[in-house]
Amino acid sequence: MGNNLKIELEGKYILVSKKILKPEYHDNEKRVFFCEDGFGCSSQTSGNAIFGYYVFDNEKCRIEGYQVERLATEEEIKKAKELKNEINWQDKETDR
């Protein structure tokens, strides 16, 4: 089973399918997910759990291998990290 891409995903950035996300998370920079571990990271396993985090907000979670749309581009990863920095800046402003 593994994942839709049939490649090793551990340590890679992917885009999570829009099908499982609320509409407010359909922008590509909000769908960038960093794969850390899980049987779904491998193309050769029977499991499909992928553990990692969404780059734009650092939310750690589990997705399934069949929810992987494709590898993220460098531009999408960059935009997700910029959005993360923007969110962190806004949080600091509201703490004052």
Protein backbone atom coordinates (compact mmCIF):
# COMPACT_ATOMS: atom_id res chain seq x y z
CA MET A 1 0.00 0.00 0.00
CA GLY A 2 2.39 2.74 1.20
CA ASN A 3 1.51 5.97 -0.63
CA ASN A 4 0.02 7.18 -3.91
CA LEU A 5 3.39 8.25 -5.32
CA LYS A 6 5.01 4.83 -4.77
CA ILE A 7 8.27 6.47 -3.63
CA GLU A 8 10.06 6.92 -0.31
CA LEU A 9 8.65 10.04 1.40
CA GLU A 10 10.51 10.21 4.71
CA GLY A 11 12.18 13.64 4.96
CA LYS A 12 10.28 15.02 1.96
CA TYR A 13 7.67 17.74 1.49
CA ILE A 14 4.39 16.76 -0.13
CA LEU A 15 1.02 18.37 -0.86
CA VAL A 16 -1.94 16.87 0.97
CA SER A 17 -5.01 16.29 -1.19
CA LYS A 18 -7.65 19.04 -1.10
CA LYS A 19 -10.31 16.34 -0.74
CA ILE A 20 -9.62 15.92 2.97
CA LEU A 21 -9.20 19.60 3.89
CA LYS A 22 -11.66 22.36 4.65
CA PRO A 23 -11.88 24.98 1.86
CA GLU A 24 -9.92 27.56 3.89
CA TYR A 25 -6.90 25.21 3.66
CA HIS A 26 -6.98 24.62 -0.11
CA ASP A 27 -4.18 27.09 -0.92
CA ASN A 28 -1.04 25.17 -1.83
CA GLU A 29 1.09 26.85 0.86
CA LYS A 30 -1.33 25.54 3.51
CA ARG A 31 -1.20 21.98 2.13
CA VAL A 32 2.59 21.56 2.32
CA PHE A 33 3.31 18.70 4.73
CA PHE A 34 6.71 17.44 5.91
CA CYS A 35 6.83 13.62 6.16
CA GLU A 36 8.77 12.44 9.20
CA ASP A 37 7.91 8.77 9.68
CA GLY A 38 5.38 6.00 9.27
CA PHE A 39 4.70 3.00 7.07
CA GLY A 40 3.03 5.25 4.51
CA CYS A 41 6.38 6.93 3.83
CA SER A 42 7.57 3.74 2.19
CA SER A 43 6.45 2.41 -1.15
CA GLN A 44 6.99 -1.19 -0.03
CA THR A 45 4.93 -1.52 3.16
CA SER A 46 1.40 -2.67 3.84
CA GLY A 47 0.62 0.27 6.16
CA ASN A 48 -0.25 3.77 5.03
CA ALA A 49 0.13 6.08 8.07
CA ILE A 50 2.40 9.09 7.55
CA PHE A 51 3.42 11.18 10.55
CA GLY A 52 4.70 14.73 10.17
CA TYR A 53 3.56 18.33 10.26
CA TYR A 54 2.02 21.07 8.17
CA VAL A 55 4.76 23.58 7.42
CA PHE A 56 2.70 26.78 7.64
CA ASP A 57 1.57 26.22 11.25
CA ASN A 58 3.73 23.33 12.57
CA GLU A 59 0.63 21.25 13.37
CA LYS A 60 1.80 17.68 13.93
CA CYS A 61 -0.58 15.04 12.69
CA ARG A 62 -1.08 11.81 10.84
CA ILE A 63 -2.22 11.54 7.26
CA GLU A 64 -2.71 8.47 5.10
CA GLY A 65 -0.59 7.54 2.10
CA TYR A 66 -3.59 7.74 -0.23
CA GLN A 67 -4.07 11.41 0.81
CA VAL A 68 -0.76 12.43 -0.80
CA GLU A 69 -1.33 14.43 -3.97
CA ARG A 70 2.25 15.03 -5.12
CA LEU A 71 5.68 16.27 -4.04
CA ALA A 72 5.73 19.96 -3.14
CA THR A 73 7.77 22.31 -5.31
CA GLU A 74 10.56 24.48 -3.90
CA GLU A 75 8.35 27.55 -4.46
CA GLU A 76 5.45 26.01 -2.50
CA ILE A 77 7.77 25.08 0.38
CA LYS A 78 9.19 28.62 0.41
CA LYS A 79 5.69 30.18 0.49
CA ALA A 80 4.60 27.84 3.31
CA LYS A 81 7.62 28.88 5.39
CA GLU A 82 6.94 32.57 4.66
CA LEU A 83 3.33 32.11 5.79
CA LYS A 84 4.60 30.42 8.96
CA ASN A 85 6.85 33.41 9.69
CA GLU A 86 3.96 35.81 9.03
CA ILE A 87 1.70 33.90 11.43
CA ASN A 88 4.43 33.86 14.09
CA TRP A 89 4.91 37.63 13.67
CA GLN A 90 1.16 38.24 14.08
CA ASP A 91 1.13 36.10 17.23
CA LYS A 92 3.93 38.21 18.72
CA GLU A 93 2.03 41.41 17.90
CA THR A 94 -1.14 40.19 19.69
CA ASP A 95 0.88 39.23 22.79
CA ARG A 96 1.80 42.86 23.43
